[in-house]
Amino acid sequence: MSKFLSTSLTLVFSSAIAMQAHADLTVVSHGGANKAAQVKAFYEPYTQATGTRIIADEFNGEMAKVKVQVDTQNVAWDVVEMEMPELARACDEGMLETIGEDPAISKLEPELLKDAVQPCGVGFFVWSTVLAYNAQKLKTAPEGWADFWDVEKIPGKRGLRKGAKYTLEFALMADGVGPKDVYSVLETKAGQDRAFAKLDKLKPYIQWWEAGAQPPQYLASGDVVMSSAYNGRIAAVQNESDLRIVWNGGIYDMDAFTIPKGAKNREEGLRFIQSVLKSDAQKAYAQQIAYGPVNRTAVGMVDANRRSNMPTDEANLAHQVAISASFWADHGDQLEQRFNAWAAKQ
């Protein structure tokens, strides 16, 4: 074999190995401002550091899209963003890889917020569903969910996410249940009936939303006078609007990165998740969008103005309640079915 041919073959094999080592990684987010922040803080730096190209896909949290890939053993997604209740249910149903005890992840646990590491996923930011309003449209600023339900005090349409989760909690808070007591009440049949009865009173005034981009649009256009909304979606447009957030009665949650069962690039997915949890990446993400870091060191690295708009700011956190992932894992199917039947009635 000639020296030239030998060198050429070596280069070909080396290139093949490099391509295999840096296979494309498909990462699925919930889109919008959140996705844009992830691209800047996570995807682009990871590609620059490793050579792995990130294919950025998105969905609205439809677990059926994950389930069909796993059931058919044709998993196209490598890393998927999930809310904690969906993570708990998907883990219970065997749809996800067990990664919480993997040394690559477990060694990071002391650096992260409590409960960030779960058996089948890792929280990577904290966000809230809050009451939002347009200060240009309202003479009286709402103070909480009781005002949201008071159509005589503040006339007009209200926006709510079309689903049982958050909606039932807000209904109970509007009915006088304290944020810290919401789940103990909602666990009872009487509490669930109470929440739906409260929703009955507001139903004629509700404009439902399903995608996170809709509440700021509805508020800006005047279609609704108030809406539940993701805090990051409101913060993202506050420089060019007069949209405001009421933290009182907000529900905060973590979004987690997971790996679907049978994903082709499990190890690369783990390396990506590790990179996302580092303090510099967490700070960069929080500077892009007003969601709180899960890395404890990163919290103090974010500038003070940005921190005041994050759900993890002490002043904001004091008036909110943590979502109960276990409650929704246990009761989600039943309550979503009841909600859908209720919403379909005229």
C-alpha atoms as a PDB file:
ATOM      1  CA  MET A   1       0.000   0.000   0.000  1.00  0.00           C
ATOM      2  CA  SER A   2       1.394   3.427  -0.937  1.00  0.00           C
ATOM      3  CA  LYS A   3       2.105   6.003   1.738  1.00  0.00           C
ATOM      4  CA  PHE A   4      -0.403   8.366   0.056  1.00  0.00           C
ATOM      5  CA  LEU A   5      -3.172   5.720   0.057  1.00  0.00           C
ATOM      6  CA  SER A   6      -2.428   4.790   3.652  1.00  0.00           C
ATOM      7  CA  THR A   7      -2.611   8.423   4.743  1.00  0.00           C
ATOM      8  CA  SER A   8      -5.860   8.926   2.799  1.00  0.00           C
ATOM      9  CA  LEU A   9      -7.491   5.896   4.413  1.00  0.00           C
ATOM     10  CA  THR A  10      -6.380   7.082   7.841  1.00  0.00           C
ATOM     11  CA  LEU A  11      -8.003  10.452   7.216  1.00  0.00           C
ATOM     12  CA  VAL A  12     -11.226   8.797   5.996  1.00  0.00           C
ATOM     13  CA  PHE A  13     -11.428   6.522   9.040  1.00  0.00           C
ATOM     14  CA  SER A  14     -10.581   9.410  11.390  1.00  0.00           C
ATOM     15  CA  SER A  15     -13.321  11.528   9.841  1.00  0.00           C
ATOM     16  CA  ALA A  16     -15.815   8.667  10.166  1.00  0.00           C
ATOM     17  CA  ILE A  17     -14.954   8.217  13.840  1.00  0.00           C
ATOM     18  CA  ALA A  18     -15.249  11.960  14.447  1.00  0.00           C
ATOM     19  CA  MET A  19     -18.643  12.058  12.748  1.00  0.00           C
ATOM     20  CA  GLN A  20     -19.810   9.117  14.833  1.00  0.00           C
ATOM     21  CA  ALA A  21     -18.552  10.733  18.026  1.00  0.00           C
ATOM     22  CA  HIS A  22     -20.388  13.947  17.182  1.00  0.00           C
ATOM     23  CA  ALA A  23     -23.706  12.658  15.937  1.00  0.00           C
ATOM     24  CA  ASP A  24     -26.478  15.220  15.621  1.00  0.00           C
ATOM     25  CA  LEU A  25     -28.455  15.612  18.845  1.00  0.00           C
ATOM     26  CA  THR A  26     -32.169  16.380  18.620  1.00  0.00           C
ATOM     27  CA  VAL A  27     -33.276  18.516  21.572  1.00  0.00           C
ATOM     28  CA  VAL A  28     -36.980  19.248  21.966  1.00  0.00           C
ATOM     29  CA  SER A  29     -38.195  22.353  23.811  1.00  0.00           C
ATOM     30  CA  HIS A  30     -41.515  24.131  24.283  1.00  0.00           C
ATOM     31  CA  GLY A  31     -40.604  26.780  21.736  1.00  0.00           C
ATOM     32  CA  GLY A  32     -40.993  30.554  21.813  1.00  0.00           C
ATOM     33  CA  ALA A  33     -38.838  32.825  23.953  1.00  0.00           C
ATOM     34  CA  ASN A  34     -37.787  29.806  26.026  1.00  0.00           C
ATOM     35  CA  LYS A  35     -36.399  28.051  22.953  1.00  0.00           C
ATOM     36  CA  ALA A  36     -34.632  31.213  21.783  1.00  0.00           C
ATOM     37  CA  ALA A  37     -32.964  31.508  25.200  1.00  0.00           C
ATOM     38  CA  GLN A  38     -31.901  27.857  25.104  1.00  0.00           C
ATOM     39  CA  VAL A  39     -30.349  28.275  21.658  1.00  0.00           C
ATOM     40  CA  LYS A  40     -28.171  31.146  22.879  1.00  0.00           C
ATOM     41  CA  ALA A  41     -27.299  29.780  26.323  1.00  0.00           C
ATOM     42  CA  PHE A  42     -27.152  26.016  25.700  1.00  0.00           C
ATOM     43  CA  TYR A  43     -27.216  24.859  22.070  1.00  0.00           C
ATOM     44  CA  GLU A  44     -24.706  27.187  20.453  1.00  0.00           C
ATOM     45  CA  PRO A  45     -22.059  26.932  23.224  1.00  0.00           C
ATOM     46  CA  TYR A  46     -22.390  23.121  23.282  1.00  0.00           C
ATOM     47  CA  THR A  47     -21.897  22.877  19.529  1.00  0.00           C
ATOM     48  CA  GLN A  48     -18.910  25.206  19.716  1.00  0.00           C
ATOM     49  CA  ALA A  49     -17.323  23.191  22.533  1.00  0.00           C
ATOM     50  CA  THR A  50     -17.996  19.679  21.212  1.00  0.00           C
ATOM     51  CA  GLY A  51     -18.702  19.876  17.496  1.00  0.00           C
ATOM     52  CA  THR A  52     -22.080  18.165  18.022  1.00  0.00           C
ATOM     53  CA  ARG A  53     -24.822  19.824  15.982  1.00  0.00           C
ATOM     54  CA  ILE A  54     -28.060  20.452  17.894  1.00  0.00           C
ATOM     55  CA  ILE A  55     -31.263  19.913  15.934  1.00  0.00           C
ATOM     56  CA  ALA A  56     -33.794  22.128  17.716  1.00  0.00           C
ATOM     57  CA  ASP A  57     -37.306  20.677  17.631  1.00  0.00           C
ATOM     58  CA  GLU A  58     -40.325  21.728  19.698  1.00  0.00           C
ATOM     59  CA  PHE A  59     -43.696  20.536  21.000  1.00  0.00           C
ATOM     60  CA  ASN A  60     -46.432  21.639  23.399  1.00  0.00           C
ATOM     61  CA  GLY A  61     -45.868  18.863  25.924  1.00  0.00           C
ATOM     62  CA  GLU A  62     -47.981  16.218  24.168  1.00  0.00           C
ATOM     63  CA  MET A  63     -46.875  13.000  25.852  1.00  0.00           C
ATOM     64  CA  ALA A  64     -48.485  10.975  23.071  1.00  0.00           C
ATOM     65  CA  LYS A  65     -45.710  12.145  20.755  1.00  0.00           C
ATOM     66  CA  VAL A  66     -43.105  10.660  23.086  1.00  0.00           C
ATOM     67  CA  LYS A  67     -45.110   7.501  23.760  1.00  0.00           C
ATOM     68  CA  VAL A  68     -45.562   6.577  20.093  1.00  0.00           C
ATOM     69  CA  GLN A  69     -41.797   6.835  19.487  1.00  0.00           C
ATOM     70  CA  VAL A  70     -41.014   4.655  22.497  1.00  0.00           C
ATOM     71  CA  ASP A  71     -43.765   2.095  21.744  1.00  0.00           C
ATOM     72  CA  THR A  72     -42.655   1.702  18.117  1.00  0.00           C
ATOM     73  CA  GLN A  73     -38.962   1.671  19.100  1.00  0.00           C
ATOM     74  CA  ASN A  74     -38.405   4.455  16.589  1.00  0.00           C
ATOM     75  CA  VAL A  75     -37.138   7.205  18.886  1.00  0.00           C
ATOM     76  CA  ALA A  76     -36.178  10.312  16.909  1.00  0.00           C
ATOM     77  CA  TRP A  77     -35.830  12.660  19.899  1.00  0.00           C
ATOM     78  CA  ASP A  78     -32.725  12.510  22.115  1.00  0.00           C
ATOM     79  CA  VAL A  79     -33.447  15.074  24.843  1.00  0.00           C
ATOM     80  CA  VAL A  80     -36.948  16.336  25.647  1.00  0.00           C
ATOM     81  CA  GLU A  81     -38.063  19.201  27.881  1.00  0.00           C
ATOM     82  CA  MET A  82     -40.929  18.323  30.251  1.00  0.00           C
ATOM     83  CA  GLU A  83     -42.781  19.946  33.105  1.00  0.00           C
ATOM     84  CA  MET A  84     -42.323  18.042  36.370  1.00  0.00           C
ATOM     85  CA  PRO A  85     -45.843  16.504  36.505  1.00  0.00           C
ATOM     86  CA  GLU A  86     -45.425  15.169  32.953  1.00  0.00           C
ATOM     87  CA  LEU A  87     -41.962  13.908  33.867  1.00  0.00           C
ATOM     88  CA  ALA A  88     -43.352  11.990  36.856  1.00  0.00           C
ATOM     89  CA  ARG A  89     -46.115  10.381  34.800  1.00  0.00           C
ATOM     90  CA  ALA A  90     -43.872   9.541  31.838  1.00  0.00           C
ATOM     91  CA  CYS A  91     -41.326   8.000  34.215  1.00  0.00           C
ATOM     92  CA  ASP A  92     -44.007   5.886  35.908  1.00  0.00           C
ATOM     93  CA  GLU A  93     -45.174   4.668  32.493  1.00  0.00           C
ATOM     94  CA  GLY A  94     -41.670   3.583  31.441  1.00  0.00           C
ATOM     95  CA  MET A  95     -41.331   6.150  28.657  1.00  0.00           C
ATOM     96  CA  LEU A  96     -38.006   7.584  29.849  1.00  0.00           C
ATOM     97  CA  GLU A  97     -34.444   6.507  30.522  1.00  0.00           C
ATOM     98  CA  THR A  98     -33.457   6.402  34.197  1.00  0.00           C
ATOM     99  CA  ILE A  99     -30.749   9.034  34.462  1.00  0.00           C
ATOM    100  CA  GLY A 100     -31.010  10.498  37.981  1.00  0.00           C
ATOM    101  CA  GLU A 101     -28.618   7.926  39.459  1.00  0.00           C
ATOM    102  CA  ASP A 102     -26.175   8.082  36.562  1.00  0.00           C
ATOM    103  CA  PRO A 103     -22.841   9.350  37.961  1.00  0.00           C
ATOM    104  CA  ALA A 104     -22.767  12.067  35.305  1.00  0.00           C
ATOM    105  CA  ILE A 105     -25.923  13.547  36.841  1.00  0.00           C
ATOM    106  CA  SER A 106     -25.909  12.451  40.492  1.00  0.00           C
ATOM    107  CA  LYS A 107     -22.540  14.094  41.160  1.00  0.00           C
ATOM    108  CA  LEU A 108     -24.108  17.460  40.289  1.00  0.00           C
ATOM    109  CA  GLU A 109     -27.010  17.123  42.737  1.00  0.00           C
ATOM    110  CA  PRO A 110     -25.349  19.048  45.630  1.00  0.00           C
ATOM    111  CA  GLU A 111     -24.953  22.052  43.319  1.00  0.00           C
ATOM    112  CA  LEU A 112     -28.626  22.148  42.344  1.00  0.00           C
ATOM    113  CA  LEU A 113     -31.886  23.240  43.933  1.00  0.00           C
ATOM    114  CA  LYS A 114     -33.770  20.688  46.027  1.00  0.00           C
ATOM    115  CA  ASP A 115     -35.714  18.150  43.935  1.00  0.00           C
ATOM    116  CA  ALA A 116     -34.075  19.235  40.677  1.00  0.00           C
ATOM    117  CA  VAL A 117     -32.694  15.705  40.161  1.00  0.00           C
ATOM    118  CA  GLN A 118     -35.472  13.175  39.594  1.00  0.00           C
ATOM    119  CA  PRO A 119     -35.181   9.474  38.634  1.00  0.00           C
ATOM    120  CA  CYS A 120     -35.915  10.146  34.950  1.00  0.00           C
ATOM    121  CA  GLY A 121     -34.881  13.755  34.452  1.00  0.00           C
ATOM    122  CA  VAL A 122     -33.205  16.883  35.776  1.00  0.00           C
ATOM    123  CA  GLY A 123     -34.784  20.279  36.294  1.00  0.00           C
ATOM    124  CA  PHE A 124     -32.826  23.002  34.534  1.00  0.00           C
ATOM    125  CA  PHE A 125     -34.861  26.151  35.192  1.00  0.00           C
ATOM    126  CA  VAL A 126     -37.619  27.421  37.480  1.00  0.00           C
ATOM    127  CA  TRP A 127     -40.646  29.180  36.016  1.00  0.00           C
ATOM    128  CA  SER A 128     -44.054  30.313  37.170  1.00  0.00           C
ATOM    129  CA  THR A 129     -47.576  30.501  35.877  1.00  0.00           C
ATOM    130  CA  VAL A 130     -48.788  33.867  37.117  1.00  0.00           C
ATOM    131  CA  LEU A 131     -51.564  36.421  36.777  1.00  0.00           C
ATOM    132  CA  ALA A 132     -50.664  38.990  34.103  1.00  0.00           C
ATOM    133  CA  TYR A 133     -52.433  42.143  32.964  1.00  0.00           C
ATOM    134  CA  ASN A 134     -52.006  45.130  30.668  1.00  0.00           C
ATOM    135  CA  ALA A 135     -51.574  48.285  32.749  1.00  0.00           C
ATOM    136  CA  GLN A 136     -52.701  50.423  29.799  1.00  0.00           C
ATOM    137  CA  LYS A 137     -56.067  48.669  29.711  1.00  0.00           C
ATOM    138  CA  LEU A 138     -56.867  48.492  33.438  1.00  0.00           C
ATOM    139  CA  LYS A 139     -57.545  51.389  35.788  1.00  0.00           C
ATOM    140  CA  THR A 140     -57.437  49.071  38.814  1.00  0.00           C
ATOM    141  CA  ALA A 141     -54.476  46.702  39.162  1.00  0.00           C
ATOM    142  CA  PRO A 142     -55.524  43.177  40.246  1.00  0.00           C
ATOM    143  CA  GLU A 143     -53.947  41.861  43.433  1.00  0.00           C
ATOM    144  CA  GLY A 144     -54.626  38.157  43.015  1.00  0.00           C
ATOM    145  CA  TRP A 145     -57.001  35.473  41.785  1.00  0.00           C
ATOM    146  CA  ALA A 146     -59.961  36.817  43.765  1.00  0.00           C
ATOM    147  CA  ASP A 147     -59.772  39.936  41.566  1.00  0.00           C
ATOM    148  CA  PHE A 148     -59.353  37.751  38.489  1.00  0.00           C
ATOM    149  CA  TRP A 149     -62.747  36.190  39.268  1.00  0.00           C
ATOM    150  CA  ASP A 150     -64.409  39.516  40.177  1.00  0.00           C
ATOM    151  CA  VAL A 151     -66.025  40.541  36.876  1.00  0.00           C
ATOM    152  CA  GLU A 152     -67.982  43.374  38.504  1.00  0.00           C
ATOM    153  CA  LYS A 153     -64.881  45.042  39.921  1.00  0.00           C
ATOM    154  CA  ILE A 154     -62.849  44.444  36.731  1.00  0.00           C
ATOM    155  CA  PRO A 155     -65.123  43.763  33.724  1.00  0.00           C
ATOM    156  CA  GLY A 156     -63.878  41.937  30.636  1.00  0.00           C
ATOM    157  CA  LYS A 157     -62.619  38.613  29.323  1.00  0.00           C
ATOM    158  CA  ARG A 158     -60.012  36.532  31.155  1.00  0.00           C
ATOM    159  CA  GLY A 159     -57.420  34.203  29.663  1.00  0.00           C
ATOM    160  CA  LEU A 160     -56.777  30.762  31.190  1.00  0.00           C
ATOM    161  CA  ARG A 161     -54.723  27.813  30.003  1.00  0.00           C
ATOM    162  CA  LYS A 162     -57.067  25.169  28.633  1.00  0.00           C
ATOM    163  CA  GLY A 163     -56.475  22.335  31.066  1.00  0.00           C
ATOM    164  CA  ALA A 164     -57.109  21.264  34.638  1.00  0.00           C
ATOM    165  CA  LYS A 165     -53.561  21.897  35.841  1.00  0.00           C
ATOM    166  CA  TYR A 166     -53.101  25.423  37.272  1.00  0.00           C
ATOM    167  CA  THR A 167     -56.714  26.297  36.422  1.00  0.00           C
ATOM    168  CA  LEU A 168     -58.129  24.314  39.353  1.00  0.00           C
ATOM    169  CA  GLU A 169     -55.526  25.652  41.758  1.00  0.00           C
ATOM    170  CA  PHE A 170     -56.286  29.237  40.712  1.00  0.00           C
ATOM    171  CA  ALA A 171     -60.023  28.629  41.140  1.00  0.00           C
ATOM    172  CA  LEU A 172     -59.496  27.460  44.711  1.00  0.00           C
ATOM    173  CA  MET A 173     -57.263  30.425  45.526  1.00  0.00           C
ATOM    174  CA  ALA A 174     -59.941  32.732  44.094  1.00  0.00           C
ATOM    175  CA  ASP A 175     -62.398  31.003  46.427  1.00  0.00           C
ATOM    176  CA  GLY A 176     -60.304  31.829  49.477  1.00  0.00           C
ATOM    177  CA  VAL A 177     -57.999  28.806  49.829  1.00  0.00           C
ATOM    178  CA  GLY A 178     -54.473  29.824  50.850  1.00  0.00           C
ATOM    179  CA  PRO A 179     -51.693  28.949  48.387  1.00  0.00           C
ATOM    180  CA  LYS A 180     -50.046  26.541  50.828  1.00  0.00           C
ATOM    181  CA  ASP A 181     -53.331  24.656  51.367  1.00  0.00           C
ATOM    182  CA  VAL A 182     -54.342  24.275  47.723  1.00  0.00           C
ATOM    183  CA  TYR A 183     -53.234  20.675  47.206  1.00  0.00           C
ATOM    184  CA  SER A 184     -54.574  19.350  50.502  1.00  0.00           C
ATOM    185  CA  VAL A 185     -57.988  20.748  49.504  1.00  0.00           C
ATOM    186  CA  LEU A 186     -57.729  19.631  45.871  1.00  0.00           C
ATOM    187  CA  GLU A 187     -56.961  16.058  46.942  1.00  0.00           C
ATOM    188  CA  THR A 188     -60.516  15.747  48.251  1.00  0.00           C
ATOM    189  CA  LYS A 189     -63.647  15.186  46.182  1.00  0.00           C
ATOM    190  CA  ALA A 190     -65.233  18.182  47.917  1.00  0.00           C
ATOM    191  CA  GLY A 191     -62.241  20.340  46.981  1.00  0.00           C
ATOM    192  CA  GLN A 192     -62.403  19.293  43.338  1.00  0.00           C
ATOM    193  CA  ASP A 193     -66.139  20.012  43.238  1.00  0.00           C
ATOM    194  CA  ARG A 194     -65.450  23.393  44.834  1.00  0.00           C
ATOM    195  CA  ALA A 195     -62.899  24.285  42.133  1.00  0.00           C
ATOM    196  CA  PHE A 196     -65.247  23.361  39.282  1.00  0.00           C
ATOM    197  CA  ALA A 197     -68.121  25.253  40.920  1.00  0.00           C
ATOM    198  CA  LYS A 198     -65.894  28.353  41.057  1.00  0.00           C
ATOM    199  CA  LEU A 199     -64.976  27.868  37.392  1.00  0.00           C
ATOM    200  CA  ASP A 200     -68.682  27.700  36.520  1.00  0.00           C
ATOM    201  CA  LYS A 201     -69.041  31.316  37.659  1.00  0.00           C
ATOM    202  CA  LEU A 202     -66.238  32.543  35.387  1.00  0.00           C
ATOM    203  CA  LYS A 203     -66.887  30.334  32.363  1.00  0.00           C
ATOM    204  CA  PRO A 204     -68.751  32.947  30.238  1.00  0.00           C
ATOM    205  CA  TYR A 205     -65.786  35.303  30.574  1.00  0.00           C
ATOM    206  CA  ILE A 206     -62.961  32.861  29.766  1.00  0.00           C
ATOM    207  CA  GLN A 207     -60.872  32.917  26.603  1.00  0.00           C
ATOM    208  CA  TRP A 208     -58.778  29.758  26.607  1.00  0.00           C
ATOM    209  CA  TRP A 209     -55.155  29.610  25.547  1.00  0.00           C
ATOM    210  CA  GLU A 210     -53.000  26.577  24.751  1.00  0.00           C
ATOM    211  CA  ALA A 211     -49.637  27.976  23.587  1.00  0.00           C
ATOM    212  CA  GLY A 212     -47.451  30.166  25.782  1.00  0.00           C
ATOM    213  CA  ALA A 213     -47.241  32.889  23.135  1.00  0.00           C
ATOM    214  CA  GLN A 214     -50.990  33.542  23.259  1.00  0.00           C
ATOM    215  CA  PRO A 215     -51.473  35.345  26.625  1.00  0.00           C
ATOM    216  CA  PRO A 216     -49.151  38.288  25.794  1.00  0.00           C
ATOM    217  CA  GLN A 217     -50.860  38.579  22.401  1.00  0.00           C
ATOM    218  CA  TYR A 218     -54.339  38.536  23.945  1.00  0.00           C
ATOM    219  CA  LEU A 219     -53.312  41.099  26.559  1.00  0.00           C
ATOM    220  CA  ALA A 220     -51.629  43.432  24.066  1.00  0.00           C
ATOM    221  CA  SER A 221     -54.626  43.372  21.713  1.00  0.00           C
ATOM    222  CA  GLY A 222     -57.158  43.860  24.494  1.00  0.00           C
ATOM    223  CA  ASP A 223     -58.899  40.552  23.795  1.00  0.00           C
ATOM    224  CA  VAL A 224     -58.579  39.852  27.530  1.00  0.00           C
ATOM    225  CA  VAL A 225     -58.037  42.213  30.466  1.00  0.00           C
ATOM    226  CA  MET A 226     -56.133  39.620  32.521  1.00  0.00           C
ATOM    227  CA  SER A 227     -54.662  36.199  31.860  1.00  0.00           C
ATOM    228  CA  SER A 228     -52.732  33.419  33.440  1.00  0.00           C
ATOM    229  CA  ALA A 229     -49.361  33.320  31.706  1.00  0.00           C
ATOM    230  CA  TYR A 230     -45.824  31.990  31.903  1.00  0.00           C
ATOM    231  CA  ASN A 231     -43.748  34.639  33.624  1.00  0.00           C
ATOM    232  CA  GLY A 232     -40.940  34.395  31.060  1.00  0.00           C
ATOM    233  CA  ARG A 233     -43.328  35.104  28.174  1.00  0.00           C
ATOM    234  CA  ILE A 234     -44.485  38.320  29.870  1.00  0.00           C
ATOM    235  CA  ALA A 235     -40.958  39.386  30.856  1.00  0.00           C
ATOM    236  CA  ALA A 236     -39.799  38.862  27.262  1.00  0.00           C
ATOM    237  CA  VAL A 237     -42.122  41.604  25.961  1.00  0.00           C
ATOM    238  CA  GLN A 238     -42.097  44.051  28.880  1.00  0.00           C
ATOM    239  CA  ASN A 239     -39.586  46.368  27.212  1.00  0.00           C
ATOM    240  CA  GLU A 240     -42.046  47.085  24.403  1.00  0.00           C
ATOM    241  CA  SER A 241     -45.330  46.822  26.314  1.00  0.00           C
ATOM    242  CA  ASP A 242     -46.993  47.711  29.596  1.00  0.00           C
ATOM    243  CA  LEU A 243     -47.707  44.133  30.641  1.00  0.00           C
ATOM    244  CA  ARG A 244     -47.354  43.473  34.365  1.00  0.00           C
ATOM    245  CA  ILE A 245     -47.079  40.405  36.595  1.00  0.00           C
ATOM    246  CA  VAL A 246     -48.864  39.686  39.868  1.00  0.00           C
ATOM    247  CA  TRP A 247     -46.748  37.149  41.772  1.00  0.00           C
ATOM    248  CA  ASN A 248     -49.354  36.604  44.476  1.00  0.00           C
ATOM    249  CA  GLY A 249     -50.842  33.137  43.942  1.00  0.00           C
ATOM    250  CA  GLY A 250     -48.399  32.129  41.225  1.00  0.00           C
ATOM    251  CA  ILE A 251     -47.479  28.455  40.848  1.00  0.00           C
ATOM    252  CA  TYR A 252     -43.824  27.715  40.265  1.00  0.00           C
ATOM    253  CA  ASP A 253     -42.403  24.608  38.668  1.00  0.00           C
ATOM    254  CA  MET A 254     -39.200  23.348  37.117  1.00  0.00           C
ATOM    255  CA  ASP A 255     -38.847  22.259  33.543  1.00  0.00           C
ATOM    256  CA  ALA A 256     -36.619  19.216  33.221  1.00  0.00           C
ATOM    257  CA  PHE A 257     -34.573  17.634  30.478  1.00  0.00           C
ATOM    258  CA  THR A 258     -35.312  13.954  29.934  1.00  0.00           C
ATOM    259  CA  ILE A 259     -34.130  11.214  27.586  1.00  0.00           C
ATOM    260  CA  PRO A 260     -36.822   9.041  25.950  1.00  0.00           C
ATOM    261  CA  LYS A 261     -36.493   5.294  26.454  1.00  0.00           C
ATOM    262  CA  GLY A 262     -34.407   3.879  23.620  1.00  0.00           C
ATOM    263  CA  ALA A 263     -32.953   7.195  22.440  1.00  0.00           C
ATOM    264  CA  LYS A 264     -30.100   6.568  20.020  1.00  0.00           C
ATOM    265  CA  ASN A 265     -27.771   9.170  21.529  1.00  0.00           C
ATOM    266  CA  ARG A 266     -28.223   8.583  25.271  1.00  0.00           C
ATOM    267  CA  GLU A 267     -24.608   9.284  26.273  1.00  0.00           C
ATOM    268  CA  GLU A 268     -24.380  12.416  24.157  1.00  0.00           C
ATOM    269  CA  GLY A 269     -27.699  13.502  25.660  1.00  0.00           C
ATOM    270  CA  LEU A 270     -26.271  13.091  29.156  1.00  0.00           C
ATOM    271  CA  ARG A 271     -23.219  15.167  28.235  1.00  0.00           C
ATOM    272  CA  PHE A 272     -25.508  17.892  26.895  1.00  0.00           C
ATOM    273  CA  ILE A 273     -27.621  17.901  30.083  1.00  0.00           C
ATOM    274  CA  GLN A 274     -24.446  18.117  32.180  1.00  0.00           C
ATOM    275  CA  SER A 275     -23.354  21.185  30.208  1.00  0.00           C
ATOM    276  CA  VAL A 276     -26.737  22.859  30.712  1.00  0.00           C
ATOM    277  CA  LEU A 277     -26.458  22.535  34.500  1.00  0.00           C
ATOM    278  CA  LYS A 278     -23.100  24.309  34.789  1.00  0.00           C
ATOM    279  CA  SER A 279     -23.213  27.700  36.492  1.00  0.00           C
ATOM    280  CA  ASP A 280     -22.065  29.685  33.430  1.00  0.00           C
ATOM    281  CA  ALA A 281     -24.730  28.111  31.205  1.00  0.00           C
ATOM    282  CA  GLN A 282     -27.377  28.642  33.871  1.00  0.00           C
ATOM    283  CA  LYS A 283     -26.437  32.302  34.248  1.00  0.00           C
ATOM    284  CA  ALA A 284     -26.451  32.797  30.472  1.00  0.00           C
ATOM    285  CA  TYR A 285     -29.938  31.299  30.238  1.00  0.00           C
ATOM    286  CA  ALA A 286     -31.335  33.461  33.058  1.00  0.00           C
ATOM    287  CA  GLN A 287     -29.889  36.560  31.387  1.00  0.00           C
ATOM    288  CA  GLN A 288     -31.783  35.642  28.213  1.00  0.00           C
ATOM    289  CA  ILE A 289     -35.173  34.991  29.844  1.00  0.00           C
ATOM    290  CA  ALA A 290     -36.572  35.676  33.328  1.00  0.00           C
ATOM    291  CA  TYR A 291     -36.586  32.086  34.553  1.00  0.00           C
ATOM    292  CA  GLY A 292     -34.640  31.073  37.649  1.00  0.00           C
ATOM    293  CA  PRO A 293     -31.471  28.944  37.540  1.00  0.00           C
ATOM    294  CA  VAL A 294     -31.435  25.589  39.328  1.00  0.00           C
ATOM    295  CA  ASN A 295     -27.675  25.837  39.867  1.00  0.00           C
ATOM    296  CA  ARG A 296     -27.317  27.545  43.243  1.00  0.00           C
ATOM    297  CA  THR A 297     -24.094  29.338  42.311  1.00  0.00           C
ATOM    298  CA  ALA A 298     -25.676  30.778  39.175  1.00  0.00           C
ATOM    299  CA  VAL A 299     -28.483  32.480  41.111  1.00  0.00           C
ATOM    300  CA  GLY A 300     -26.046  34.968  42.642  1.00  0.00           C
ATOM    301  CA  MET A 301     -24.319  35.515  39.290  1.00  0.00           C
ATOM    302  CA  VAL A 302     -27.448  36.973  37.668  1.00  0.00           C
ATOM    303  CA  ASP A 303     -27.672  40.778  37.846  1.00  0.00           C
ATOM    304  CA  ALA A 304     -30.048  42.285  40.411  1.00  0.00           C
ATOM    305  CA  ASN A 305     -32.512  43.774  37.910  1.00  0.00           C
ATOM    306  CA  ARG A 306     -32.936  40.437  36.193  1.00  0.00           C
ATOM    307  CA  ARG A 307     -33.305  38.586  39.502  1.00  0.00           C
ATOM    308  CA  SER A 308     -36.220  40.816  40.518  1.00  0.00           C
ATOM    309  CA  ASN A 309     -38.181  39.489  37.530  1.00  0.00           C
ATOM    310  CA  MET A 310     -37.424  35.824  38.253  1.00  0.00           C
ATOM    311  CA  PRO A 311     -39.726  33.475  40.170  1.00  0.00           C
ATOM    312  CA  THR A 312     -36.833  32.472  42.425  1.00  0.00           C
ATOM    313  CA  ASP A 313     -36.374  36.008  43.760  1.00  0.00           C
ATOM    314  CA  GLU A 314     -37.132  35.795  47.488  1.00  0.00           C
ATOM    315  CA  ALA A 315     -39.784  38.520  47.366  1.00  0.00           C
ATOM    316  CA  ASN A 316     -41.569  36.788  44.470  1.00  0.00           C
ATOM    317  CA  LEU A 317     -41.211  33.275  45.843  1.00  0.00           C
ATOM    318  CA  ALA A 318     -42.776  34.185  49.190  1.00  0.00           C
ATOM    319  CA  HIS A 319     -46.243  34.588  47.656  1.00  0.00           C
ATOM    320  CA  GLN A 320     -46.221  31.530  45.408  1.00  0.00           C
ATOM    321  CA  VAL A 321     -46.777  27.804  45.779  1.00  0.00           C
ATOM    322  CA  ALA A 322     -44.711  24.962  44.339  1.00  0.00           C
ATOM    323  CA  ILE A 323     -46.629  22.737  41.967  1.00  0.00           C
ATOM    324  CA  SER A 324     -47.218  19.244  43.328  1.00  0.00           C
ATOM    325  CA  ALA A 325     -45.873  16.881  40.668  1.00  0.00           C
ATOM    326  CA  SER A 326     -46.990  13.892  42.733  1.00  0.00           C
ATOM    327  CA  PHE A 327     -50.561  15.221  42.929  1.00  0.00           C
ATOM    328  CA  TRP A 328     -50.796  15.618  39.168  1.00  0.00           C
ATOM    329  CA  ALA A 329     -49.126  12.272  38.548  1.00  0.00           C
ATOM    330  CA  ASP A 330     -51.801  10.619  40.734  1.00  0.00           C
ATOM    331  CA  HIS A 331     -54.858  12.656  39.736  1.00  0.00           C
ATOM    332  CA  GLY A 332     -53.970  14.182  36.367  1.00  0.00           C
ATOM    333  CA  ASP A 333     -55.774  11.755  34.054  1.00  0.00           C
ATOM    334  CA  GLN A 334     -59.012  11.841  36.014  1.00  0.00           C
ATOM    335  CA  LEU A 335     -59.055  15.622  36.454  1.00  0.00           C
ATOM    336  CA  GLU A 336     -58.103  16.365  32.858  1.00  0.00           C
ATOM    337  CA  GLN A 337     -60.929  14.124  31.661  1.00  0.00           C
ATOM    338  CA  ARG A 338     -63.382  15.875  33.968  1.00  0.00           C
ATOM    339  CA  PHE A 339     -62.078  19.265  32.854  1.00  0.00           C
ATOM    340  CA  ASN A 340     -62.400  18.419  29.153  1.00  0.00           C
ATOM    341  CA  ALA A 341     -65.982  17.259  29.658  1.00  0.00           C
ATOM    342  CA  TRP A 342     -66.741  20.433  31.646  1.00  0.00           C
ATOM    343  CA  ALA A 343     -65.132  22.724  29.048  1.00  0.00           C
ATOM    344  CA  ALA A 344     -67.079  21.075  26.205  1.00  0.00           C
ATOM    345  CA  LYS A 345     -70.445  21.850  27.811  1.00  0.00           C
ATOM    346  CA  GLN A 346     -72.191  24.993  26.602  1.00  0.00           C
END
